[in-house]
N, C-alpha and C. Protein backbone atom coordinates (compact mmCIF):
# COMPACT_ATOMS: atom_id res chain seq x y z
N UNK A 1 68.72 110.72 79.37
CA UNK A 1 69.77 111.70 79.48
C UNK A 1 70.52 111.50 80.79
N UNK A 2 71.82 111.63 80.76
CA UNK A 2 72.68 111.43 81.91
C UNK A 2 72.56 112.58 82.89
N UNK A 3 72.74 112.27 84.17
CA UNK A 3 72.73 113.28 85.22
C UNK A 3 74.18 113.52 85.64
N UNK A 4 74.64 114.78 85.59
CA UNK A 4 75.96 115.10 86.12
C UNK A 4 75.81 115.21 87.62
N UNK A 5 76.50 114.36 88.34
CA UNK A 5 76.34 114.31 89.79
C UNK A 5 77.22 115.31 90.49
N UNK A 6 76.73 115.82 91.59
CA UNK A 6 77.53 116.67 92.45
C UNK A 6 77.59 116.02 93.82
N UNK A 7 78.57 116.43 94.60
CA UNK A 7 78.81 115.84 95.91
C UNK A 7 77.53 115.87 96.75
N UNK A 8 77.18 114.72 97.32
CA UNK A 8 76.03 114.61 98.21
C UNK A 8 74.70 114.37 97.54
N UNK A 9 74.64 114.44 96.21
CA UNK A 9 73.38 114.26 95.49
C UNK A 9 72.92 112.82 95.56
N UNK A 10 71.61 112.62 95.67
CA UNK A 10 71.03 111.28 95.67
C UNK A 10 70.06 111.19 94.50
N UNK A 11 70.11 110.05 93.79
CA UNK A 11 69.19 109.85 92.67
C UNK A 11 68.60 108.45 92.74
N UNK A 12 67.42 108.29 92.17
CA UNK A 12 66.80 106.99 91.99
C UNK A 12 67.30 106.44 90.67
N UNK A 13 67.96 105.31 90.71
CA UNK A 13 68.49 104.72 89.48
C UNK A 13 67.37 104.30 88.54
N UNK A 14 66.28 103.81 89.10
CA UNK A 14 65.17 103.36 88.26
C UNK A 14 64.53 104.53 87.52
N UNK A 15 64.36 105.66 88.19
CA UNK A 15 63.77 106.83 87.54
C UNK A 15 64.68 107.38 86.45
N UNK A 16 65.99 107.45 86.73
CA UNK A 16 66.94 107.98 85.75
C UNK A 16 67.06 107.07 84.55
N UNK A 17 66.94 105.77 84.74
CA UNK A 17 67.07 104.82 83.64
C UNK A 17 65.75 104.64 82.90
N UNK A 18 64.65 105.11 83.46
CA UNK A 18 63.35 104.96 82.83
C UNK A 18 62.72 103.61 83.08
N UNK A 19 63.13 102.94 84.13
CA UNK A 19 62.59 101.63 84.48
C UNK A 19 63.54 100.91 85.40
N UNK A 20 63.15 99.73 85.84
CA UNK A 20 63.98 98.97 86.77
C UNK A 20 65.30 98.58 86.13
N UNK A 21 66.37 98.76 86.86
CA UNK A 21 67.70 98.37 86.39
C UNK A 21 68.03 96.98 86.92
N UNK A 22 68.49 96.12 86.04
CA UNK A 22 68.91 94.80 86.46
C UNK A 22 70.42 94.68 86.57
N UNK A 23 71.12 95.35 85.65
CA UNK A 23 72.58 95.30 85.65
C UNK A 23 73.12 96.70 85.42
N UNK A 24 74.12 97.07 86.19
CA UNK A 24 74.76 98.37 86.03
C UNK A 24 76.27 98.19 85.90
N UNK A 25 76.89 99.16 85.28
CA UNK A 25 78.34 99.20 85.16
C UNK A 25 78.84 100.52 85.69
N UNK A 26 79.80 100.46 86.61
CA UNK A 26 80.47 101.67 87.06
C UNK A 26 81.76 101.76 86.27
N UNK A 27 81.89 102.80 85.46
CA UNK A 27 83.09 102.99 84.65
C UNK A 27 83.98 104.06 85.25
N UNK A 28 85.28 103.87 85.15
CA UNK A 28 86.28 104.82 85.62
C UNK A 28 87.22 105.11 84.47
N UNK A 29 87.43 106.38 84.18
CA UNK A 29 88.34 106.74 83.11
C UNK A 29 89.25 107.88 83.53
N UNK A 30 90.43 107.93 82.91
CA UNK A 30 91.39 109.01 83.16
C UNK A 30 92.43 108.99 82.06
N UNK A 31 93.23 110.03 82.00
CA UNK A 31 94.31 110.12 81.02
C UNK A 31 95.65 110.17 81.72
N UNK A 32 96.67 109.66 81.04
CA UNK A 32 98.04 109.75 81.55
C UNK A 32 98.43 111.22 81.63
N UNK A 33 99.37 111.54 82.49
CA UNK A 33 99.83 112.92 82.65
C UNK A 33 100.80 113.23 81.51
N UNK A 34 100.52 114.33 80.80
CA UNK A 34 101.38 114.73 79.69
C UNK A 34 102.33 115.82 80.17
N UNK A 35 103.62 115.63 79.92
CA UNK A 35 104.61 116.65 80.27
C UNK A 35 105.18 117.22 78.98
N UNK A 36 105.42 118.53 78.99
CA UNK A 36 105.97 119.20 77.81
C UNK A 36 107.48 119.18 77.88
N UNK A 37 108.08 118.95 76.75
CA UNK A 37 109.53 118.96 76.66
C UNK A 37 110.05 120.37 76.43
N UNK A 38 111.35 120.51 76.40
CA UNK A 38 112.01 121.79 76.15
C UNK A 38 111.82 122.17 74.69
N UNK A 39 111.25 123.34 74.42
CA UNK A 39 110.99 123.85 73.08
C UNK A 39 110.21 122.85 72.22
N UNK A 40 109.36 122.08 72.86
CA UNK A 40 108.52 121.14 72.13
C UNK A 40 109.15 119.77 71.90
N UNK A 41 110.40 119.60 72.33
CA UNK A 41 111.08 118.32 72.16
C UNK A 41 111.09 117.56 73.49
N UNK A 42 111.01 116.26 73.40
CA UNK A 42 111.09 115.44 74.61
C UNK A 42 109.81 115.35 75.40
N UNK A 43 108.67 115.69 74.80
CA UNK A 43 107.40 115.55 75.51
C UNK A 43 107.17 114.07 75.80
N UNK A 44 106.57 113.78 76.94
CA UNK A 44 106.31 112.39 77.31
C UNK A 44 105.05 112.31 78.15
N UNK A 45 104.64 111.10 78.41
CA UNK A 45 103.49 110.88 79.29
C UNK A 45 103.93 110.08 80.50
N UNK A 46 103.31 110.38 81.62
CA UNK A 46 103.57 109.68 82.87
C UNK A 46 102.36 108.81 83.18
N UNK A 47 102.59 107.52 83.35
CA UNK A 47 101.49 106.60 83.63
C UNK A 47 100.87 106.90 84.99
N UNK A 48 99.57 106.77 85.04
CA UNK A 48 98.80 106.93 86.27
C UNK A 48 98.02 105.65 86.47
N UNK A 49 98.13 105.05 87.64
CA UNK A 49 97.38 103.83 87.93
C UNK A 49 96.30 104.15 88.96
N UNK A 50 95.11 104.48 88.44
CA UNK A 50 93.95 104.65 89.32
C UNK A 50 93.28 103.28 89.43
N UNK A 51 92.74 103.00 90.58
CA UNK A 51 92.08 101.72 90.81
C UNK A 51 90.65 101.92 91.28
N UNK A 52 89.71 101.26 90.61
CA UNK A 52 88.32 101.24 91.02
C UNK A 52 88.11 100.04 91.93
N UNK A 53 87.39 100.26 93.01
CA UNK A 53 87.07 99.18 93.95
C UNK A 53 85.61 99.29 94.35
N UNK A 54 85.05 98.18 94.82
CA UNK A 54 83.68 98.15 95.31
C UNK A 54 83.65 97.30 96.58
N UNK A 55 83.16 97.92 97.66
CA UNK A 55 83.05 97.22 98.94
C UNK A 55 81.58 96.97 99.21
N UNK A 56 81.23 95.71 99.52
CA UNK A 56 79.84 95.34 99.81
C UNK A 56 79.64 95.30 101.32
N UNK A 57 78.58 95.97 101.79
CA UNK A 57 78.29 96.06 103.22
C UNK A 57 76.94 95.44 103.53
N UNK A 58 76.84 94.84 104.74
CA UNK A 58 75.56 94.31 105.19
C UNK A 58 74.80 95.37 105.97
N UNK A 59 73.63 95.00 106.49
CA UNK A 59 72.79 95.96 107.21
C UNK A 59 73.46 96.48 108.48
N UNK A 60 74.36 95.71 109.05
CA UNK A 60 75.10 96.15 110.23
C UNK A 60 76.31 96.99 109.89
N UNK A 61 76.42 97.41 108.63
CA UNK A 61 77.52 98.26 108.14
C UNK A 61 78.88 97.57 108.21
N UNK A 62 78.87 96.24 108.15
CA UNK A 62 80.11 95.48 108.15
C UNK A 62 80.49 95.13 106.71
N UNK A 63 81.78 95.27 106.35
CA UNK A 63 82.19 94.86 105.01
C UNK A 63 82.10 93.34 104.87
N UNK A 64 81.42 92.88 103.82
CA UNK A 64 81.20 91.45 103.59
C UNK A 64 82.13 90.93 102.50
N UNK A 65 82.39 91.77 101.50
CA UNK A 65 83.20 91.37 100.36
C UNK A 65 83.78 92.62 99.72
N UNK A 66 84.83 92.45 98.93
CA UNK A 66 85.43 93.57 98.22
C UNK A 66 85.89 93.11 96.85
N UNK A 67 85.68 93.98 95.86
CA UNK A 67 86.11 93.70 94.51
C UNK A 67 87.11 94.79 94.16
N UNK A 68 88.33 94.39 93.80
CA UNK A 68 89.38 95.34 93.44
C UNK A 68 90.40 94.61 92.58
N UNK A 69 91.53 95.23 92.28
CA UNK A 69 92.48 94.66 91.32
C UNK A 69 93.06 93.32 91.73
N UNK A 70 93.00 92.97 93.01
CA UNK A 70 93.51 91.66 93.44
C UNK A 70 92.41 90.61 93.60
N UNK A 71 91.16 91.03 93.61
CA UNK A 71 90.01 90.11 93.65
C UNK A 71 88.98 90.65 92.68
N UNK A 72 88.95 90.11 91.49
CA UNK A 72 88.14 90.66 90.41
C UNK A 72 86.68 90.23 90.42
N UNK A 73 86.31 89.36 91.36
CA UNK A 73 84.92 88.86 91.38
C UNK A 73 84.48 88.68 92.82
N UNK A 74 83.23 89.08 93.10
CA UNK A 74 82.69 88.87 94.44
C UNK A 74 82.50 87.37 94.68
N UNK A 75 82.44 86.98 95.94
CA UNK A 75 82.30 85.55 96.28
C UNK A 75 81.04 84.95 95.67
N UNK A 76 79.97 85.75 95.57
CA UNK A 76 78.71 85.25 95.02
C UNK A 76 78.61 85.44 93.51
N UNK A 77 79.57 86.17 92.90
CA UNK A 77 79.58 86.37 91.46
C UNK A 77 78.72 87.51 90.95
N UNK A 78 78.09 88.28 91.84
CA UNK A 78 77.20 89.35 91.39
C UNK A 78 77.94 90.62 90.98
N UNK A 79 79.20 90.78 91.41
CA UNK A 79 79.99 91.96 91.09
C UNK A 79 81.31 91.50 90.48
N UNK A 80 81.63 92.05 89.30
CA UNK A 80 82.83 91.61 88.58
C UNK A 80 83.61 92.83 88.07
N UNK A 81 84.90 92.85 88.36
CA UNK A 81 85.83 93.89 87.89
C UNK A 81 86.43 93.39 86.58
N UNK A 82 86.54 94.27 85.58
CA UNK A 82 87.05 93.84 84.27
C UNK A 82 88.57 93.76 84.20
N UNK A 83 89.28 94.25 85.19
CA UNK A 83 90.73 94.15 85.20
C UNK A 83 91.41 95.47 85.46
N UNK A 84 92.67 95.39 85.83
CA UNK A 84 93.45 96.54 86.26
C UNK A 84 94.12 97.22 85.06
N UNK A 85 93.84 98.50 84.86
CA UNK A 85 94.53 99.31 83.86
C UNK A 85 95.56 100.12 84.63
N UNK A 86 96.82 99.99 84.28
CA UNK A 86 97.89 100.64 85.05
C UNK A 86 98.44 101.90 84.42
N UNK A 87 97.82 102.39 83.33
CA UNK A 87 98.39 103.55 82.64
C UNK A 87 97.40 104.67 82.36
N UNK A 88 96.14 104.36 82.19
CA UNK A 88 95.16 105.37 81.77
C UNK A 88 95.17 105.58 80.26
N UNK A 89 95.95 104.79 79.53
CA UNK A 89 96.03 104.93 78.08
C UNK A 89 94.74 104.43 77.43
N UNK A 90 94.39 105.05 76.31
CA UNK A 90 93.22 104.63 75.56
C UNK A 90 92.02 105.52 75.83
N UNK A 91 91.00 105.35 75.02
CA UNK A 91 89.78 106.13 75.14
C UNK A 91 88.74 105.38 75.95
N UNK A 92 87.78 106.11 76.47
CA UNK A 92 86.67 105.51 77.20
C UNK A 92 87.07 105.05 78.59
N UNK A 93 86.27 104.16 79.15
CA UNK A 93 86.51 103.65 80.50
C UNK A 93 87.81 102.85 80.53
N UNK A 94 88.65 103.14 81.51
CA UNK A 94 89.88 102.39 81.68
C UNK A 94 89.68 101.17 82.58
N UNK A 95 88.74 101.27 83.50
CA UNK A 95 88.36 100.13 84.36
C UNK A 95 86.84 100.15 84.50
N UNK A 96 86.27 98.97 84.66
CA UNK A 96 84.83 98.86 84.87
C UNK A 96 84.54 97.83 85.94
N UNK A 97 83.48 98.10 86.69
CA UNK A 97 82.95 97.14 87.65
C UNK A 97 81.50 96.89 87.25
N UNK A 98 81.18 95.64 86.94
CA UNK A 98 79.83 95.27 86.52
C UNK A 98 79.07 94.65 87.69
N UNK A 99 77.85 95.12 87.89
CA UNK A 99 77.03 94.65 89.00
C UNK A 99 75.70 94.12 88.47
N UNK A 100 75.38 92.87 88.81
CA UNK A 100 74.08 92.30 88.52
C UNK A 100 73.23 92.53 89.77
N UNK A 101 72.45 93.61 89.76
CA UNK A 101 71.69 94.01 90.96
C UNK A 101 70.72 92.93 91.41
N UNK A 102 70.17 92.17 90.47
CA UNK A 102 69.22 91.12 90.83
C UNK A 102 69.90 89.94 91.52
N UNK A 103 71.22 89.80 91.33
CA UNK A 103 71.95 88.68 91.93
C UNK A 103 72.67 89.07 93.22
N UNK A 104 72.67 90.37 93.56
CA UNK A 104 73.30 90.79 94.81
C UNK A 104 72.50 90.16 95.96
N UNK A 105 73.17 89.40 96.84
CA UNK A 105 72.45 88.73 97.93
C UNK A 105 71.65 89.71 98.79
N UNK A 106 70.53 89.25 99.32
CA UNK A 106 69.64 90.13 100.09
C UNK A 106 70.28 90.67 101.36
N UNK A 107 71.33 90.00 101.87
CA UNK A 107 71.98 90.52 103.07
C UNK A 107 72.89 91.71 102.77
N UNK A 108 73.13 92.01 101.50
CA UNK A 108 73.94 93.17 101.12
C UNK A 108 73.02 94.37 100.98
N UNK A 109 73.31 95.40 101.76
CA UNK A 109 72.46 96.59 101.76
C UNK A 109 73.06 97.76 100.99
N UNK A 110 74.40 97.78 100.85
CA UNK A 110 75.01 98.87 100.09
C UNK A 110 76.31 98.43 99.46
N UNK A 111 76.61 99.07 98.34
CA UNK A 111 77.85 98.85 97.61
C UNK A 111 78.52 100.22 97.50
N UNK A 112 79.75 100.34 97.97
CA UNK A 112 80.46 101.61 97.94
C UNK A 112 81.61 101.51 96.96
N UNK A 113 81.65 102.47 96.02
CA UNK A 113 82.68 102.50 94.99
C UNK A 113 83.73 103.54 95.36
N UNK A 114 84.99 103.14 95.24
CA UNK A 114 86.09 104.05 95.55
C UNK A 114 87.07 104.09 94.38
N UNK A 115 87.87 105.16 94.37
CA UNK A 115 88.98 105.30 93.42
C UNK A 115 90.21 105.66 94.23
N UNK A 116 91.31 104.97 93.95
CA UNK A 116 92.58 105.26 94.61
C UNK A 116 93.67 105.40 93.57
N UNK A 117 94.61 106.29 93.84
CA UNK A 117 95.78 106.44 92.99
C UNK A 117 96.87 105.54 93.54
N UNK A 118 97.00 104.37 92.95
CA UNK A 118 97.97 103.39 93.44
C UNK A 118 99.40 103.90 93.24
N UNK A 119 99.61 104.70 92.19
CA UNK A 119 100.93 105.24 91.92
C UNK A 119 101.22 106.52 92.69
N UNK A 120 100.24 107.03 93.44
CA UNK A 120 100.47 108.14 94.35
C UNK A 120 100.22 109.54 93.84
N UNK A 121 99.92 109.71 92.55
CA UNK A 121 99.61 111.05 92.07
C UNK A 121 98.32 111.54 92.71
N UNK A 122 98.20 112.85 92.84
CA UNK A 122 96.95 113.39 93.37
C UNK A 122 95.98 113.61 92.21
N UNK A 123 94.71 113.76 92.53
CA UNK A 123 93.72 114.01 91.49
C UNK A 123 93.93 115.36 90.84
N UNK A 124 94.61 116.28 91.52
CA UNK A 124 94.93 117.57 90.91
C UNK A 124 95.87 117.38 89.73
N UNK A 125 96.64 116.31 89.72
CA UNK A 125 97.58 116.02 88.64
C UNK A 125 96.96 115.19 87.51
N UNK A 126 95.90 114.47 87.81
CA UNK A 126 95.32 113.53 86.84
C UNK A 126 94.31 114.26 85.97
N UNK A 127 94.41 114.04 84.66
CA UNK A 127 93.53 114.72 83.72
C UNK A 127 92.33 113.86 83.34
N UNK A 128 91.19 114.52 83.18
CA UNK A 128 89.98 113.90 82.65
C UNK A 128 89.50 112.69 83.42
N UNK A 129 89.65 112.71 84.74
CA UNK A 129 89.20 111.57 85.55
C UNK A 129 87.69 111.70 85.81
N UNK A 130 86.99 110.59 85.65
CA UNK A 130 85.55 110.56 85.87
C UNK A 130 85.13 109.17 86.28
N UNK A 131 83.94 109.08 86.85
CA UNK A 131 83.29 107.78 86.97
C UNK A 131 81.88 107.97 86.44
N UNK A 132 81.30 106.89 86.00
CA UNK A 132 79.95 106.98 85.46
C UNK A 132 79.21 105.68 85.72
N UNK A 133 77.92 105.77 85.73
CA UNK A 133 77.08 104.60 85.93
C UNK A 133 76.26 104.40 84.67
N UNK A 134 76.31 103.16 84.17
CA UNK A 134 75.59 102.81 82.94
C UNK A 134 74.55 101.76 83.22
N UNK A 135 73.44 101.82 82.49
CA UNK A 135 72.50 100.70 82.43
C UNK A 135 73.17 99.69 81.51
N UNK A 136 73.66 98.59 82.06
CA UNK A 136 74.43 97.62 81.28
C UNK A 136 73.60 96.95 80.19
N UNK A 137 72.29 96.91 80.36
CA UNK A 137 71.43 96.30 79.35
C UNK A 137 71.34 97.13 78.09
N UNK A 138 71.17 98.43 78.23
CA UNK A 138 71.00 99.30 77.08
C UNK A 138 72.27 100.07 76.71
N UNK A 139 73.23 100.13 77.64
CA UNK A 139 74.44 100.92 77.41
C UNK A 139 74.23 102.39 77.68
N UNK A 140 73.04 102.76 78.15
CA UNK A 140 72.71 104.17 78.41
C UNK A 140 73.42 104.65 79.67
N UNK A 141 74.06 105.80 79.57
CA UNK A 141 74.69 106.42 80.73
C UNK A 141 73.60 107.02 81.62
N UNK A 142 73.57 106.58 82.86
CA UNK A 142 72.56 107.04 83.81
C UNK A 142 73.07 108.24 84.59
N UNK A 143 74.34 108.21 84.98
CA UNK A 143 74.89 109.30 85.79
C UNK A 143 76.40 109.39 85.58
N UNK A 144 76.94 110.58 85.78
CA UNK A 144 78.38 110.84 85.62
C UNK A 144 78.85 111.72 86.77
N UNK A 145 80.06 111.44 87.23
CA UNK A 145 80.66 112.19 88.32
C UNK A 145 82.08 112.54 87.92
N UNK A 146 82.37 113.82 87.72
CA UNK A 146 83.71 114.25 87.32
C UNK A 146 84.61 114.31 88.54
N UNK A 147 85.80 113.71 88.44
CA UNK A 147 86.71 113.57 89.58
C UNK A 147 87.90 114.51 89.54
N UNK A 148 88.29 114.99 88.36
CA UNK A 148 89.51 115.78 88.22
C UNK A 148 89.40 117.13 88.90
N UNK A 149 90.55 117.74 89.07
CA UNK A 149 90.72 119.08 89.64
C UNK A 149 89.93 119.30 90.93
N UNK A 150 90.07 118.37 91.85
CA UNK A 150 89.40 118.53 93.14
C UNK A 150 90.39 118.68 94.28
N UNK A 151 91.66 118.87 93.97
CA UNK A 151 92.62 119.14 95.02
C UNK A 151 93.67 118.07 95.19
N UNK A 152 94.55 118.30 96.16
CA UNK A 152 95.70 117.41 96.35
C UNK A 152 95.38 116.20 97.22
N UNK A 153 94.58 115.30 96.71
CA UNK A 153 94.28 114.06 97.42
C UNK A 153 94.51 112.89 96.47
N UNK A 154 94.68 111.71 97.01
CA UNK A 154 95.02 110.56 96.17
C UNK A 154 93.93 109.49 96.16
N UNK A 155 92.78 109.80 96.73
CA UNK A 155 91.70 108.82 96.76
C UNK A 155 90.36 109.55 96.86
N UNK A 156 89.31 108.82 96.51
CA UNK A 156 87.98 109.38 96.65
C UNK A 156 86.95 108.28 96.88
N UNK A 157 86.06 108.53 97.82
CA UNK A 157 84.87 107.69 97.98
C UNK A 157 83.87 108.26 96.98
N UNK A 158 83.67 107.55 95.89
CA UNK A 158 82.88 108.08 94.78
C UNK A 158 81.39 108.07 95.06
N UNK A 159 80.86 106.89 95.26
CA UNK A 159 79.41 106.76 95.31
C UNK A 159 79.01 105.50 96.04
N UNK A 160 77.75 105.50 96.44
CA UNK A 160 77.17 104.33 97.12
C UNK A 160 75.87 103.96 96.40
N UNK A 161 75.73 102.68 96.05
CA UNK A 161 74.45 102.14 95.62
C UNK A 161 73.83 101.49 96.84
N UNK A 162 72.56 101.74 97.10
CA UNK A 162 71.94 101.17 98.29
C UNK A 162 70.48 100.86 98.03
N UNK A 163 69.98 99.90 98.80
CA UNK A 163 68.57 99.51 98.70
C UNK A 163 67.74 100.41 99.60
N UNK A 164 66.63 100.90 99.04
CA UNK A 164 65.71 101.72 99.82
C UNK A 164 64.30 101.43 99.33
N UNK A 165 63.48 100.86 100.22
CA UNK A 165 62.09 100.52 99.88
C UNK A 165 62.01 99.67 98.61
N UNK A 166 62.89 98.68 98.50
CA UNK A 166 62.85 97.76 97.37
C UNK A 166 63.42 98.31 96.08
N UNK A 167 64.03 99.47 96.13
CA UNK A 167 64.56 100.11 94.92
C UNK A 167 66.03 100.45 95.15
N UNK A 168 66.85 100.33 94.10
CA UNK A 168 68.25 100.73 94.19
C UNK A 168 68.37 102.22 93.94
N UNK A 169 69.11 102.88 94.80
CA UNK A 169 69.36 104.31 94.66
C UNK A 169 70.86 104.54 94.68
N UNK A 170 71.25 105.73 94.24
CA UNK A 170 72.66 106.09 94.24
C UNK A 170 72.86 107.38 95.01
N UNK A 171 73.89 107.39 95.85
CA UNK A 171 74.30 108.57 96.59
C UNK A 171 75.70 108.95 96.11
N UNK A 172 75.83 110.10 95.49
CA UNK A 172 77.13 110.59 95.03
C UNK A 172 77.85 111.18 96.24
N UNK A 173 78.77 110.43 96.81
CA UNK A 173 79.45 110.87 98.04
C UNK A 173 80.51 111.92 97.71
N UNK A 174 81.43 111.60 96.83
CA UNK A 174 82.43 112.57 96.39
C UNK A 174 83.35 113.07 97.49
N UNK A 175 83.66 112.23 98.45
CA UNK A 175 84.52 112.67 99.55
C UNK A 175 85.98 112.32 99.27
N UNK A 176 86.84 113.34 99.37
CA UNK A 176 88.25 113.17 99.12
C UNK A 176 88.93 112.45 100.27
N UNK A 177 90.00 111.74 99.95
CA UNK A 177 90.77 111.04 100.97
C UNK A 177 92.18 110.80 100.47
N UNK A 178 92.92 110.02 101.20
CA UNK A 178 94.28 109.67 100.81
C UNK A 178 94.48 108.19 101.05
N UNK A 179 95.27 107.57 100.19
CA UNK A 179 95.58 106.16 100.34
C UNK A 179 95.69 105.48 99.00
N UNK A 180 96.43 104.39 98.98
CA UNK A 180 96.68 103.67 97.74
C UNK A 180 95.63 102.61 97.45
N UNK A 181 94.87 102.16 98.47
CA UNK A 181 93.84 101.14 98.25
C UNK A 181 92.59 101.48 99.06
N UNK A 182 91.52 100.74 98.79
CA UNK A 182 90.24 100.95 99.49
C UNK A 182 90.40 100.80 101.00
N UNK A 183 91.33 99.94 101.46
CA UNK A 183 91.55 99.73 102.90
C UNK A 183 91.78 101.03 103.64
N UNK A 184 92.54 101.93 103.00
CA UNK A 184 92.86 103.20 103.63
C UNK A 184 91.63 104.08 103.81
N UNK A 185 90.57 103.80 103.08
CA UNK A 185 89.35 104.62 103.12
C UNK A 185 88.25 104.07 104.02
N UNK A 186 88.41 102.85 104.53
CA UNK A 186 87.33 102.22 105.30
C UNK A 186 86.84 103.08 106.48
N UNK A 187 87.72 103.73 107.26
CA UNK A 187 87.20 104.58 108.34
C UNK A 187 86.32 105.72 107.82
N UNK A 188 86.69 106.31 106.68
CA UNK A 188 85.89 107.38 106.09
C UNK A 188 84.58 106.85 105.53
N UNK A 189 84.61 105.68 104.91
CA UNK A 189 83.40 105.08 104.34
C UNK A 189 82.35 104.86 105.41
N UNK A 190 82.79 104.44 106.60
CA UNK A 190 81.87 104.11 107.69
C UNK A 190 80.90 105.24 107.99
N UNK A 191 81.33 106.48 107.83
CA UNK A 191 80.45 107.63 108.14
C UNK A 191 79.34 107.81 107.12
N UNK A 192 79.42 107.13 105.97
CA UNK A 192 78.42 107.27 104.90
C UNK A 192 77.46 106.10 104.82
N UNK A 193 77.60 105.15 105.75
CA UNK A 193 76.73 103.99 105.70
C UNK A 193 75.50 104.24 106.55
């Protein structure tokens, strides 16, 4: 059963999945903004381009690599982004980042996932935004974090996967921010490492 995450919550991924996780997928989904027309005529949708990113940090809290819409694969190949969705159209996850936890190099101590509104809308405007973590082997949803209706900000530091005593854990950070890309969030991320 999936865990609905709240800001600051920490969970053991292995316990939630019912065993050791080898591969996980962080999914991000949202809907385009629907506007109503005059007397029901002229209704339209406004595209929203949310971007999922993953920054890999070493034990010294230095960024080693980043996976985002301009670099879809980590240098070592352990983290892969499925591609940039620029509209939010369609059902299910609009963007995914796949992580092979067993292939993440030992010098990487944490992976931080962020969401940015590249088109500049705030999360207060975006409907049905969420991120979730899946056991990629079974497809089972391990955890979910709802992002919508959290105020007038355009970015969020979603979550951190980190090694602790030989086990991967997840910290639901849920900290709001502003900026079009992960770069704008790096000073805020530093406080969570």
